[in-house]
């Protein structure tokens, strides 16, 4: 059985798994900000790490 390749990286490099330690309140806040921006938490943290900017959007309903 060969090595699985998966999707090609869209960010120019393969992602790796990392561990982050936060309080539950901080984790929930990050997930909420990512959701408001229409991103997964992984995508949100990727954007924050690359740009240094928090993406803050509010739902318009």
PDB file of N, CA and C in Angstrom:
ATOM      1  N   UNK A   1       0.853  -1.185   0.000  1.00  0.00           N
ATOM      2  CA  UNK A   1       0.000   0.000   0.000  1.00  0.00           C
ATOM      3  C   UNK A   1       0.893   1.241   0.000  1.00  0.00           C
ATOM      4  N   UNK A   2       0.647   2.179  -0.928  1.00  0.00           N
ATOM      5  CA  UNK A   2       1.474   3.370  -1.069  1.00  0.00           C
ATOM      6  C   UNK A   2       1.093   4.476  -0.110  1.00  0.00           C
ATOM      7  N   UNK A   3       1.915   5.495  -0.090  1.00  0.00           N
ATOM      8  CA  UNK A   3       1.677   6.660   0.765  1.00  0.00           C
ATOM      9  C   UNK A   3       0.520   7.483   0.216  1.00  0.00           C
ATOM     10  N   UNK A   4      -0.378   7.892   1.097  1.00  0.00           N
ATOM     11  CA  UNK A   4      -1.490   8.751   0.697  1.00  0.00           C
ATOM     12  C   UNK A   4      -0.978  10.172   0.525  1.00  0.00           C
ATOM     13  N   UNK A   5      -1.426  10.825  -0.530  1.00  0.00           N
ATOM     14  CA  UNK A   5      -0.931  12.171  -0.790  1.00  0.00           C
ATOM     15  C   UNK A   5      -1.932  13.248  -0.415  1.00  0.00           C
ATOM     16  N   UNK A   6      -3.217  13.009  -0.543  1.00  0.00           N
ATOM     17  CA  UNK A   6      -4.213  14.013  -0.199  1.00  0.00           C
ATOM     18  C   UNK A   6      -4.221  15.170  -1.176  1.00  0.00           C
ATOM     19  N   UNK A   7      -4.846  16.253  -0.755  1.00  0.00           N
ATOM     20  CA  UNK A   7      -4.932  17.439  -1.607  1.00  0.00           C
ATOM     21  C   UNK A   7      -3.609  18.189  -1.619  1.00  0.00           C
ATOM     22  N   UNK A   8      -3.305  18.859  -2.724  1.00  0.00           N
ATOM     23  CA  UNK A   8      -2.099  19.693  -2.728  1.00  0.00           C
ATOM     24  C   UNK A   8      -2.294  20.894  -1.797  1.00  0.00           C
ATOM     25  N   UNK A   9      -1.238  21.371  -1.153  1.00  0.00           N
ATOM     26  CA  UNK A   9      -1.378  22.504  -0.240  1.00  0.00           C
ATOM     27  C   UNK A   9      -1.780  23.775  -0.984  1.00  0.00           C
ATOM     28  N   UNK A  10      -2.743  24.509  -0.414  1.00  0.00           N
ATOM     29  CA  UNK A  10      -3.185  25.760  -1.048  1.00  0.00           C
ATOM     30  C   UNK A  10      -2.417  26.962  -0.504  1.00  0.00           C
ATOM     31  N   UNK A  11      -1.623  26.751   0.526  1.00  0.00           N
ATOM     32  CA  UNK A  11      -0.876  27.849   1.144  1.00  0.00           C
ATOM     33  C   UNK A  11       0.603  27.812   0.782  1.00  0.00           C
ATOM     34  N   UNK A  12       0.968  26.992  -0.199  1.00  0.00           N
ATOM     35  CA  UNK A  12       2.356  26.929  -0.624  1.00  0.00           C
ATOM     36  C   UNK A  12       3.216  25.960   0.174  1.00  0.00           C
ATOM     37  N   UNK A  13       2.697  25.438   1.251  1.00  0.00           N
ATOM     38  CA  UNK A  13       3.424  24.454   2.043  1.00  0.00           C
ATOM     39  C   UNK A  13       2.408  23.574   2.760  1.00  0.00           C
ATOM     40  N   UNK A  14       2.819  22.375   3.086  1.00  0.00           N
ATOM     41  CA  UNK A  14       1.926  21.452   3.781  1.00  0.00           C
ATOM     42  C   UNK A  14       1.697  21.921   5.215  1.00  0.00           C
ATOM     43  N   UNK A  15       0.476  21.743   5.702  1.00  0.00           N
ATOM     44  CA  UNK A  15       0.175  22.086   7.086  1.00  0.00           C
ATOM     45  C   UNK A  15       0.612  20.955   7.997  1.00  0.00           C
ATOM     46  N   UNK A  16       0.949  21.313   9.232  1.00  0.00           N
ATOM     47  CA  UNK A  16       1.323  20.343  10.254  1.00  0.00           C
ATOM     48  C   UNK A  16       0.409  20.538  11.449  1.00  0.00           C
ATOM     49  N   UNK A  17       0.276  19.522  12.238  1.00  0.00           N
ATOM     50  CA  UNK A  17      -0.520  19.591  13.452  1.00  0.00           C
ATOM     51  C   UNK A  17       0.308  20.234  14.567  1.00  0.00           C
ATOM     52  N   UNK A  18      -0.319  21.146  15.322  1.00  0.00           N
ATOM     53  CA  UNK A  18       0.329  21.805  16.455  1.00  0.00           C
ATOM     54  C   UNK A  18      -0.633  21.786  17.638  1.00  0.00           C
ATOM     55  N   UNK A  19      -0.106  21.957  18.822  1.00  0.00           N
ATOM     56  CA  UNK A  19      -0.917  21.992  20.034  1.00  0.00           C
ATOM     57  C   UNK A  19      -0.904  23.404  20.600  1.00  0.00           C
ATOM     58  N   UNK A  20      -2.081  23.880  20.988  1.00  0.00           N
ATOM     59  CA  UNK A  20      -2.221  25.202  21.597  1.00  0.00           C
ATOM     60  C   UNK A  20      -2.932  25.016  22.929  1.00  0.00           C
ATOM     61  N   UNK A  21      -2.418  25.641  23.966  1.00  0.00           N
ATOM     62  CA  UNK A  21      -3.062  25.554  25.277  1.00  0.00           C
ATOM     63  C   UNK A  21      -3.703  26.903  25.589  1.00  0.00           C
ATOM     64  N   UNK A  22      -5.019  26.882  25.791  1.00  0.00           N
ATOM     65  CA  UNK A  22      -5.773  28.088  26.122  1.00  0.00           C
ATOM     66  C   UNK A  22      -6.828  27.739  27.160  1.00  0.00           C
ATOM     67  N   UNK A  23      -7.421  28.767  27.728  1.00  0.00           N
ATOM     68  CA  UNK A  23      -8.593  28.538  28.570  1.00  0.00           C
ATOM     69  C   UNK A  23      -9.768  28.199  27.660  1.00  0.00           C
ATOM     70  N   UNK A  24     -10.795  27.599  28.227  1.00  0.00           N
ATOM     71  CA  UNK A  24     -11.993  27.298  27.442  1.00  0.00           C
ATOM     72  C   UNK A  24     -12.613  28.580  26.889  1.00  0.00           C
ATOM     73  N   UNK A  25     -12.597  29.640  27.684  1.00  0.00           N
ATOM     74  CA  UNK A  25     -13.185  30.905  27.241  1.00  0.00           C
ATOM     75  C   UNK A  25     -12.444  31.463  26.031  1.00  0.00           C
ATOM     76  N   UNK A  26     -11.112  31.404  26.056  1.00  0.00           N
ATOM     77  CA  UNK A  26     -10.328  31.908  24.927  1.00  0.00           C
ATOM     78  C   UNK A  26     -10.564  31.054  23.686  1.00  0.00           C
ATOM     79  N   UNK A  27     -10.597  29.734  23.845  1.00  0.00           N
ATOM     80  CA  UNK A  27     -10.820  28.823  22.718  1.00  0.00           C
ATOM     81  C   UNK A  27     -12.189  29.073  22.092  1.00  0.00           C
ATOM     82  N   UNK A  28     -13.211  29.208  22.943  1.00  0.00           N
ATOM     83  CA  UNK A  28     -14.557  29.478  22.440  1.00  0.00           C
ATOM     84  C   UNK A  28     -14.606  30.820  21.720  1.00  0.00           C
ATOM     85  N   UNK A  29     -13.885  31.812  22.242  1.00  0.00           N
ATOM     86  CA  UNK A  29     -13.835  33.121  21.595  1.00  0.00           C
ATOM     87  C   UNK A  29     -13.177  33.057  20.229  1.00  0.00           C
ATOM     88  N   UNK A  30     -12.092  32.306  20.115  1.00  0.00           N
ATOM     89  CA  UNK A  30     -11.423  32.136  18.823  1.00  0.00           C
ATOM     90  C   UNK A  30     -12.336  31.440  17.822  1.00  0.00           C
ATOM     91  N   UNK A  31     -13.024  30.395  18.271  1.00  0.00           N
ATOM     92  CA  UNK A  31     -13.938  29.683  17.377  1.00  0.00           C
ATOM     93  C   UNK A  31     -15.070  30.596  16.914  1.00  0.00           C
ATOM     94  N   UNK A  32     -15.562  31.441  17.811  1.00  0.00           N
ATOM     95  CA  UNK A  32     -16.636  32.374  17.459  1.00  0.00           C
ATOM     96  C   UNK A  32     -16.145  33.409  16.445  1.00  0.00           C
ATOM     97  N   UNK A  33     -14.941  33.949  16.639  1.00  0.00           N
ATOM     98  CA  UNK A  33     -14.396  34.922  15.687  1.00  0.00           C
ATOM     99  C   UNK A  33     -14.194  34.289  14.318  1.00  0.00           C
ATOM    100  N   UNK A  34     -13.703  33.061  14.292  1.00  0.00           N
ATOM    101  CA  UNK A  34     -13.513  32.357  13.020  1.00  0.00           C
ATOM    102  C   UNK A  34     -14.852  32.138  12.335  1.00  0.00           C
ATOM    103  N   UNK A  35     -15.855  31.731  13.103  1.00  0.00           N
ATOM    104  CA  UNK A  35     -17.187  31.499  12.552  1.00  0.00           C
ATOM    105  C   UNK A  35     -17.765  32.788  11.971  1.00  0.00           C
ATOM    106  N   UNK A  36     -17.617  33.890  12.685  1.00  0.00           N
ATOM    107  CA  UNK A  36     -18.119  35.184  12.188  1.00  0.00           C
ATOM    108  C   UNK A  36     -17.421  35.603  10.902  1.00  0.00           C
ATOM    109  N   UNK A  37     -16.158  35.217  10.759  1.00  0.00           N
ATOM    110  CA  UNK A  37     -15.395  35.547   9.550  1.00  0.00           C
ATOM    111  C   UNK A  37     -15.678  34.561   8.422  1.00  0.00           C
ATOM    112  N   UNK A  38     -16.486  33.533   8.704  1.00  0.00           N
ATOM    113  CA  UNK A  38     -16.809  32.543   7.685  1.00  0.00           C
ATOM    114  C   UNK A  38     -15.669  31.580   7.410  1.00  0.00           C
ATOM    115  N   UNK A  39     -14.810  31.371   8.417  1.00  0.00           N
ATOM    116  CA  UNK A  39     -13.638  30.512   8.269  1.00  0.00           C
ATOM    117  C   UNK A  39     -13.652  29.411   9.319  1.00  0.00           C
ATOM    118  N   UNK A  40     -12.907  28.351   9.045  1.00  0.00           N
ATOM    119  CA  UNK A  40     -12.657  27.374  10.094  1.00  0.00           C
ATOM    120  C   UNK A  40     -11.630  27.976  11.040  1.00  0.00           C
ATOM    121  N   UNK A  41     -11.512  27.401  12.220  1.00  0.00           N
ATOM    122  CA  UNK A  41     -10.517  27.911  13.159  1.00  0.00           C
ATOM    123  C   UNK A  41      -9.118  27.764  12.584  1.00  0.00           C
ATOM    124  N   UNK A  42      -8.866  26.671  11.885  1.00  0.00           N
ATOM    125  CA  UNK A  42      -7.560  26.462  11.250  1.00  0.00           C
ATOM    126  C   UNK A  42      -7.268  27.558  10.227  1.00  0.00           C
ATOM    127  N   UNK A  43      -8.251  27.874   9.392  1.00  0.00           N
ATOM    128  CA  UNK A  43      -8.071  28.928   8.383  1.00  0.00           C
ATOM    129  C   UNK A  43      -7.871  30.285   9.049  1.00  0.00           C
ATOM    130  N   UNK A  44      -8.621  30.532  10.126  1.00  0.00           N
ATOM    131  CA  UNK A  44      -8.526  31.799  10.845  1.00  0.00           C
ATOM    132  C   UNK A  44      -7.129  31.976  11.449  1.00  0.00           C
ATOM    133  N   UNK A  45      -6.626  30.931  12.100  1.00  0.00           N
ATOM    134  CA  UNK A  45      -5.293  31.013  12.697  1.00  0.00           C
ATOM    135  C   UNK A  45      -4.215  31.132  11.631  1.00  0.00           C
ATOM    136  N   UNK A  46      -4.405  30.467  10.500  1.00  0.00           N
ATOM    137  CA  UNK A  46      -3.465  30.572   9.375  1.00  0.00           C
ATOM    138  C   UNK A  46      -3.382  32.027   8.901  1.00  0.00           C
ATOM    139  N   UNK A  47      -4.533  32.661   8.717  1.00  0.00           N
ATOM    140  CA  UNK A  47      -4.569  34.052   8.262  1.00  0.00           C
ATOM    141  C   UNK A  47      -3.946  34.980   9.301  1.00  0.00           C
ATOM    142  N   UNK A  48      -4.252  34.762  10.573  1.00  0.00           N
ATOM    143  CA  UNK A  48      -3.688  35.583  11.645  1.00  0.00           C
ATOM    144  C   UNK A  48      -2.170  35.454  11.684  1.00  0.00           C
ATOM    145  N   UNK A  49      -1.672  34.236  11.573  1.00  0.00           N
ATOM    146  CA  UNK A  49      -0.234  34.016  11.622  1.00  0.00           C
ATOM    147  C   UNK A  49       0.509  34.607  10.442  1.00  0.00           C
ATOM    148  N   UNK A  50      -0.131  34.632   9.285  1.00  0.00           N
ATOM    149  CA  UNK A  50       0.546  35.139   8.085  1.00  0.00           C
ATOM    150  C   UNK A  50       0.433  36.649   7.937  1.00  0.00           C
ATOM    151  N   UNK A  51      -0.664  37.236   8.415  1.00  0.00           N
ATOM    152  CA  UNK A  51      -0.871  38.669   8.212  1.00  0.00           C
ATOM    153  C   UNK A  51      -0.691  39.495   9.480  1.00  0.00           C
ATOM    154  N   UNK A  52      -0.857  38.861  10.630  1.00  0.00           N
ATOM    155  CA  UNK A  52      -0.805  39.595  11.884  1.00  0.00           C
ATOM    156  C   UNK A  52      -2.077  40.376  12.154  1.00  0.00           C
ATOM    157  N   UNK A  53      -3.099  40.135  11.338  1.00  0.00           N
ATOM    158  CA  UNK A  53      -4.357  40.865  11.472  1.00  0.00           C
ATOM    159  C   UNK A  53      -5.482  39.930  11.878  1.00  0.00           C
ATOM    160  N   UNK A  54      -6.312  40.385  12.811  1.00  0.00           N
ATOM    161  CA  UNK A  54      -7.511  39.638  13.165  1.00  0.00           C
ATOM    162  C   UNK A  54      -8.600  39.978  12.161  1.00  0.00           C
ATOM    163  N   UNK A  55      -9.296  38.975  11.700  1.00  0.00           N
ATOM    164  CA  UNK A  55     -10.399  39.181  10.767  1.00  0.00           C
ATOM    165  C   UNK A  55     -11.664  39.286  11.602  1.00  0.00           C
ATOM    166  N   UNK A  56     -12.249  40.462  11.646  1.00  0.00           N
ATOM    167  CA  UNK A  56     -13.445  40.686  12.448  1.00  0.00           C
ATOM    168  C   UNK A  56     -14.609  41.033  11.541  1.00  0.00           C
ATOM    169  N   UNK A  57     -15.546  40.145  11.439  1.00  0.00           N
ATOM    170  CA  UNK A  57     -16.752  40.380  10.660  1.00  0.00           C
ATOM    171  C   UNK A  57     -17.947  40.107  11.549  1.00  0.00           C
ATOM    172  N   UNK A  58     -19.029  40.785  11.279  1.00  0.00           N
ATOM    173  CA  UNK A  58     -20.251  40.508  12.014  1.00  0.00           C
ATOM    174  C   UNK A  58     -21.276  39.950  11.053  1.00  0.00           C
ATOM    175  N   UNK A  59     -22.083  39.063  11.550  1.00  0.00           N
ATOM    176  CA  UNK A  59     -23.126  38.459  10.720  1.00  0.00           C
ATOM    177  C   UNK A  59     -24.169  39.511  10.379  1.00  0.00           C
ATOM    178  N   UNK A  60     -24.634  39.490   9.163  1.00  0.00           N
ATOM    179  CA  UNK A  60     -25.681  40.420   8.732  1.00  0.00           C
ATOM    180  C   UNK A  60     -26.926  39.613   8.435  1.00  0.00           C
ATOM    181  N   UNK A  61     -27.819  39.557   9.421  1.00  0.00           N
ATOM    182  CA  UNK A  61     -29.061  38.817   9.203  1.00  0.00           C
ATOM    183  C   UNK A  61     -30.241  39.639   9.621  1.00  0.00           C
TER     184      UNK A  61
END
